[in-house]
Amino acid sequence: MKKIVNLILISVLILTNLNAQNDVNSAFLLKWENSKNYLLEIATIMPEDTYNYKPTEQ
């Protein structure tokens, strides 16, 4: 009986951990997609002659 309880407990912990990882992954992918879209929007608005702009001389 004790082995069954331990097996159920371990199964629940593993499934909970996997679900938490999926939440983190989906949140990261959402932020990544938003950043990509924002960068592409800025690139389309920015004139091509200013692509090599440097704020300071190096």
PDB file of N, CA and C in Angstrom:
ATOM      1  N   MET A   1       0.823  -1.206   0.000  1.00  0.00           N
ATOM      2  CA  MET A   1       0.000   0.000   0.000  1.00  0.00           C
ATOM      3  C   MET A   1       0.864   1.266   0.000  1.00  0.00           C
ATOM      4  N   LYS A   2       1.925   1.220   0.783  1.00  0.00           N
ATOM      5  CA  LYS A   2       2.805   2.380   0.881  1.00  0.00           C
ATOM      6  C   LYS A   2       3.492   2.648  -0.463  1.00  0.00           C
ATOM      7  N   LYS A   3       3.838   1.586  -1.202  1.00  0.00           N
ATOM      8  CA  LYS A   3       4.468   1.755  -2.506  1.00  0.00           C
ATOM      9  C   LYS A   3       3.521   2.431  -3.486  1.00  0.00           C
ATOM     10  N   ILE A   4       2.256   2.099  -3.429  1.00  0.00           N
ATOM     11  CA  ILE A   4       1.265   2.702  -4.329  1.00  0.00           C
ATOM     12  C   ILE A   4       1.109   4.182  -4.026  1.00  0.00           C
ATOM     13  N   VAL A   5       1.062   4.529  -2.769  1.00  0.00           N
ATOM     14  CA  VAL A   5       0.936   5.937  -2.373  1.00  0.00           C
ATOM     15  C   VAL A   5       2.163   6.715  -2.831  1.00  0.00           C
ATOM     16  N   ASN A   6       3.342   6.150  -2.642  1.00  0.00           N
ATOM     17  CA  ASN A   6       4.570   6.814  -3.086  1.00  0.00           C
ATOM     18  C   ASN A   6       4.591   6.978  -4.603  1.00  0.00           C
ATOM     19  N   LEU A   7       4.162   5.963  -5.325  1.00  0.00           N
ATOM     20  CA  LEU A   7       4.124   6.025  -6.781  1.00  0.00           C
ATOM     21  C   LEU A   7       3.159   7.112  -7.250  1.00  0.00           C
ATOM     22  N   ILE A   8       2.015   7.210  -6.628  1.00  0.00           N
ATOM     23  CA  ILE A   8       1.034   8.250  -6.985  1.00  0.00           C
ATOM     24  C   ILE A   8       1.596   9.629  -6.667  1.00  0.00           C
ATOM     25  N   LEU A   9       2.221   9.764  -5.529  1.00  0.00           N
ATOM     26  CA  LEU A   9       2.801  11.052  -5.138  1.00  0.00           C
ATOM     27  C   LEU A   9       3.894  11.480  -6.110  1.00  0.00           C
ATOM     28  N   ILE A  10       4.774  10.572  -6.471  1.00  0.00           N
ATOM     29  CA  ILE A  10       5.846  10.890  -7.420  1.00  0.00           C
ATOM     30  C   ILE A  10       5.260  11.251  -8.781  1.00  0.00           C
ATOM     31  N   SER A  11       4.237  10.523  -9.211  1.00  0.00           N
ATOM     32  CA  SER A  11       3.593  10.818 -10.502  1.00  0.00           C
ATOM     33  C   SER A  11       2.991  12.210 -10.511  1.00  0.00           C
ATOM     34  N   VAL A  12       2.334  12.570  -9.439  1.00  0.00           N
ATOM     35  CA  VAL A  12       1.715  13.898  -9.352  1.00  0.00           C
ATOM     36  C   VAL A  12       2.784  14.983  -9.366  1.00  0.00           C
ATOM     37  N   LEU A  13       3.872  14.775  -8.655  1.00  0.00           N
ATOM     38  CA  LEU A  13       4.951  15.767  -8.626  1.00  0.00           C
ATOM     39  C   LEU A  13       5.586  15.930 -10.002  1.00  0.00           C
ATOM     40  N   ILE A  14       5.796  14.849 -10.701  1.00  0.00           N
ATOM     41  CA  ILE A  14       6.396  14.922 -12.041  1.00  0.00           C
ATOM     42  C   ILE A  14       5.463  15.643 -12.999  1.00  0.00           C
ATOM     43  N   LEU A  15       4.194  15.297 -12.963  1.00  0.00           N
ATOM     44  CA  LEU A  15       3.240  15.944 -13.868  1.00  0.00           C
ATOM     45  C   LEU A  15       3.091  17.432 -13.567  1.00  0.00           C
ATOM     46  N   THR A  16       3.122  17.798 -12.308  1.00  0.00           N
ATOM     47  CA  THR A  16       3.033  19.207 -11.928  1.00  0.00           C
ATOM     48  C   THR A  16       4.253  19.966 -12.422  1.00  0.00           C
ATOM     49  N   ASN A  17       5.428  19.356 -12.294  1.00  0.00           N
ATOM     50  CA  ASN A  17       6.668  19.990 -12.755  1.00  0.00           C
ATOM     51  C   ASN A  17       6.647  20.161 -14.267  1.00  0.00           C
ATOM     52  N   LEU A  18       6.196  19.174 -15.002  1.00  0.00           N
ATOM     53  CA  LEU A  18       6.135  19.278 -16.457  1.00  0.00           C
ATOM     54  C   LEU A  18       5.163  20.363 -16.886  1.00  0.00           C
ATOM     55  N   ASN A  19       4.057  20.478 -16.195  1.00  0.00           N
ATOM     56  CA  ASN A  19       3.077  21.519 -16.512  1.00  0.00           C
ATOM     57  C   ASN A  19       3.672  22.903 -16.252  1.00  0.00           C
ATOM     58  N   ALA A  20       4.425  23.063 -15.190  1.00  0.00           N
ATOM     59  CA  ALA A  20       5.058  24.352 -14.889  1.00  0.00           C
ATOM     60  C   ALA A  20       6.085  24.712 -15.958  1.00  0.00           C
ATOM     61  N   GLN A  21       6.815  23.723 -16.452  1.00  0.00           N
ATOM     62  CA  GLN A  21       7.788  23.986 -17.507  1.00  0.00           C
ATOM     63  C   GLN A  21       7.094  24.427 -18.778  1.00  0.00           C
ATOM     64  N   ASN A  22       5.948  23.842 -19.086  1.00  0.00           N
ATOM     65  CA  ASN A  22       5.202  24.243 -20.273  1.00  0.00           C
ATOM     66  C   ASN A  22       4.735  25.688 -20.151  1.00  0.00           C
ATOM     67  N   ASP A  23       4.334  26.105 -18.952  1.00  0.00           N
ATOM     68  CA  ASP A  23       3.904  27.485 -18.748  1.00  0.00           C
ATOM     69  C   ASP A  23       5.061  28.454 -18.977  1.00  0.00           C
ATOM     70  N   VAL A  24       6.235  28.103 -18.480  1.00  0.00           N
ATOM     71  CA  VAL A  24       7.415  28.952 -18.655  1.00  0.00           C
ATOM     72  C   VAL A  24       7.782  29.016 -20.133  1.00  0.00           C
ATOM     73  N   ASN A  25       7.752  27.878 -20.797  1.00  0.00           N
ATOM     74  CA  ASN A  25       8.088  27.852 -22.222  1.00  0.00           C
ATOM     75  C   ASN A  25       7.114  28.673 -23.042  1.00  0.00           C
ATOM     76  N   SER A  26       5.834  28.551 -22.764  1.00  0.00           N
ATOM     77  CA  SER A  26       4.850  29.304 -23.546  1.00  0.00           C
ATOM     78  C   SER A  26       4.971  30.799 -23.277  1.00  0.00           C
ATOM     79  N   ALA A  27       5.274  31.182 -22.046  1.00  0.00           N
ATOM     80  CA  ALA A  27       5.468  32.607 -21.735  1.00  0.00           C
ATOM     81  C   ALA A  27       6.703  33.144 -22.459  1.00  0.00           C
ATOM     82  N   PHE A  28       7.780  32.355 -22.479  1.00  0.00           N
ATOM     83  CA  PHE A  28       8.992  32.773 -23.181  1.00  0.00           C
ATOM     84  C   PHE A  28       8.735  32.915 -24.671  1.00  0.00           C
ATOM     85  N   LEU A  29       8.037  31.937 -25.257  1.00  0.00           N
ATOM     86  CA  LEU A  29       7.767  31.994 -26.691  1.00  0.00           C
ATOM     87  C   LEU A  29       6.882  33.179 -27.047  1.00  0.00           C
ATOM     88  N   LEU A  30       5.950  33.518 -26.186  1.00  0.00           N
ATOM     89  CA  LEU A  30       5.097  34.682 -26.429  1.00  0.00           C
ATOM     90  C   LEU A  30       5.932  35.966 -26.412  1.00  0.00           C
ATOM     91  N   LYS A  31       6.803  36.113 -25.421  1.00  0.00           N
ATOM     92  CA  LYS A  31       7.676  37.295 -25.356  1.00  0.00           C
ATOM     93  C   LYS A  31       8.614  37.339 -26.562  1.00  0.00           C
ATOM     94  N   TRP A  32       9.146  36.194 -26.952  1.00  0.00           N
ATOM     95  CA  TRP A  32      10.056  36.120 -28.093  1.00  0.00           C
ATOM     96  C   TRP A  32       9.339  36.560 -29.366  1.00  0.00           C
ATOM     97  N   GLU A  33       8.128  36.094 -29.578  1.00  0.00           N
ATOM     98  CA  GLU A  33       7.349  36.456 -30.767  1.00  0.00           C
ATOM     99  C   GLU A  33       7.029  37.954 -30.769  1.00  0.00           C
ATOM    100  N   ASN A  34       6.671  38.501 -29.604  1.00  0.00           N
ATOM    101  CA  ASN A  34       6.393  39.931 -29.508  1.00  0.00           C
ATOM    102  C   ASN A  34       7.641  40.762 -29.826  1.00  0.00           C
ATOM    103  N   SER A  35       8.784  40.336 -29.309  1.00  0.00           N
ATOM    104  CA  SER A  35      10.035  41.052 -29.581  1.00  0.00           C
ATOM    105  C   SER A  35      10.381  40.999 -31.057  1.00  0.00           C
ATOM    106  N   LYS A  36      10.195  39.846 -31.659  1.00  0.00           N
ATOM    107  CA  LYS A  36      10.488  39.694 -33.087  1.00  0.00           C
ATOM    108  C   LYS A  36       9.600  40.619 -33.914  1.00  0.00           C
ATOM    109  N   ASN A  37       8.307  40.631 -33.608  1.00  0.00           N
ATOM    110  CA  ASN A  37       7.386  41.485 -34.350  1.00  0.00           C
ATOM    111  C   ASN A  37       7.717  42.960 -34.179  1.00  0.00           C
ATOM    112  N   TYR A  38       8.090  43.362 -32.967  1.00  0.00           N
ATOM    113  CA  TYR A  38       8.445  44.751 -32.695  1.00  0.00           C
ATOM    114  C   TYR A  38       9.700  45.147 -33.473  1.00  0.00           C
ATOM    115  N   LEU A  39      10.707  44.270 -33.467  1.00  0.00           N
ATOM    116  CA  LEU A  39      11.941  44.555 -34.190  1.00  0.00           C
ATOM    117  C   LEU A  39      11.688  44.667 -35.694  1.00  0.00           C
ATOM    118  N   LEU A  40      10.882  43.782 -36.242  1.00  0.00           N
ATOM    119  CA  LEU A  40      10.578  43.843 -37.672  1.00  0.00           C
ATOM    120  C   LEU A  40       9.795  45.103 -38.024  1.00  0.00           C
ATOM    121  N   GLU A  41       8.899  45.513 -37.148  1.00  0.00           N
ATOM    122  CA  GLU A  41       8.135  46.740 -37.388  1.00  0.00           C
ATOM    123  C   GLU A  41       9.054  47.962 -37.393  1.00  0.00           C
ATOM    124  N   ILE A  42       9.982  48.007 -36.454  1.00  0.00           N
ATOM    125  CA  ILE A  42      10.943  49.117 -36.406  1.00  0.00           C
ATOM    126  C   ILE A  42      11.813  49.115 -37.661  1.00  0.00           C
ATOM    127  N   ALA A  43      12.248  47.937 -38.085  1.00  0.00           N
ATOM    128  CA  ALA A  43      13.115  47.841 -39.260  1.00  0.00           C
ATOM    129  C   ALA A  43      12.397  48.299 -40.524  1.00  0.00           C
ATOM    130  N   THR A  44      11.108  48.046 -40.638  1.00  0.00           N
ATOM    131  CA  THR A  44      10.390  48.482 -41.837  1.00  0.00           C
ATOM    132  C   THR A  44      10.144  49.983 -41.825  1.00  0.00           C
ATOM    133  N   ILE A  45      10.037  50.571 -40.647  1.00  0.00           N
ATOM    134  CA  ILE A  45       9.800  52.018 -40.547  1.00  0.00           C
ATOM    135  C   ILE A  45      11.104  52.803 -40.744  1.00  0.00           C
ATOM    136  N   MET A  46      12.215  52.249 -40.296  1.00  0.00           N
ATOM    137  CA  MET A  46      13.502  52.946 -40.329  1.00  0.00           C
ATOM    138  C   MET A  46      14.022  53.074 -41.769  1.00  0.00           C
ATOM    139  N   PRO A  47      14.455  54.264 -42.166  1.00  0.00           N
ATOM    140  CA  PRO A  47      15.010  54.439 -43.510  1.00  0.00           C
ATOM    141  C   PRO A  47      16.300  53.627 -43.684  1.00  0.00           C
ATOM    142  N   GLU A  48      16.508  53.105 -44.887  1.00  0.00           N
ATOM    143  CA  GLU A  48      17.659  52.235 -45.136  1.00  0.00           C
ATOM    144  C   GLU A  48      18.992  52.965 -44.977  1.00  0.00           C
ATOM    145  N   ASP A  49      19.030  54.254 -45.260  1.00  0.00           N
ATOM    146  CA  ASP A  49      20.305  54.971 -45.174  1.00  0.00           C
ATOM    147  C   ASP A  49      20.780  55.169 -43.736  1.00  0.00           C
ATOM    148  N   THR A  50      19.944  54.900 -42.746  1.00  0.00           N
ATOM    149  CA  THR A  50      20.354  55.039 -41.342  1.00  0.00           C
ATOM    150  C   THR A  50      20.622  53.696 -40.671  1.00  0.00           C
ATOM    151  N   TYR A  51      20.639  52.608 -41.416  1.00  0.00           N
ATOM    152  CA  TYR A  51      20.921  51.297 -40.830  1.00  0.00           C
ATOM    153  C   TYR A  51      22.316  51.219 -40.220  1.00  0.00           C
ATOM    154  N   ASN A  52      23.277  51.939 -40.761  1.00  0.00           N
ATOM    155  CA  ASN A  52      24.634  51.870 -40.234  1.00  0.00           C
ATOM    156  C   ASN A  52      24.924  52.986 -39.236  1.00  0.00           C
ATOM    157  N   TYR A  53      23.922  53.596 -38.656  1.00  0.00           N
ATOM    158  CA  TYR A  53      24.075  54.675 -37.683  1.00  0.00           C
ATOM    159  C   TYR A  53      24.783  54.158 -36.434  1.00  0.00           C
ATOM    160  N   LYS A  54      25.775  54.926 -35.965  1.00  0.00           N
ATOM    161  CA  LYS A  54      26.465  54.607 -34.717  1.00  0.00           C
ATOM    162  C   LYS A  54      26.368  55.830 -33.821  1.00  0.00           C
ATOM    163  N   PRO A  55      25.914  55.688 -32.587  1.00  0.00           N
ATOM    164  CA  PRO A  55      25.755  56.848 -31.721  1.00  0.00           C
ATOM    165  C   PRO A  55      27.069  57.515 -31.347  1.00  0.00           C
ATOM    166  N   THR A  56      28.180  56.777 -31.305  1.00  0.00           N
ATOM    167  CA  THR A  56      29.488  57.361 -31.015  1.00  0.00           C
ATOM    168  C   THR A  56      30.505  56.800 -31.983  1.00  0.00           C
ATOM    169  N   GLU A  57      31.567  57.554 -32.204  1.00  0.00           N
ATOM    170  CA  GLU A  57      32.617  57.064 -33.090  1.00  0.00           C
ATOM    171  C   GLU A  57      33.464  56.046 -32.324  1.00  0.00           C
ATOM    172  N   GLN A  58      33.881  55.032 -33.055  1.00  0.00           N
ATOM    173  CA  GLN A  58      34.701  53.986 -32.418  1.00  0.00           C
ATOM    174  C   GLN A  58      35.953  53.762 -33.203  1.00  0.00           C
TER     175      GLN A  58
END
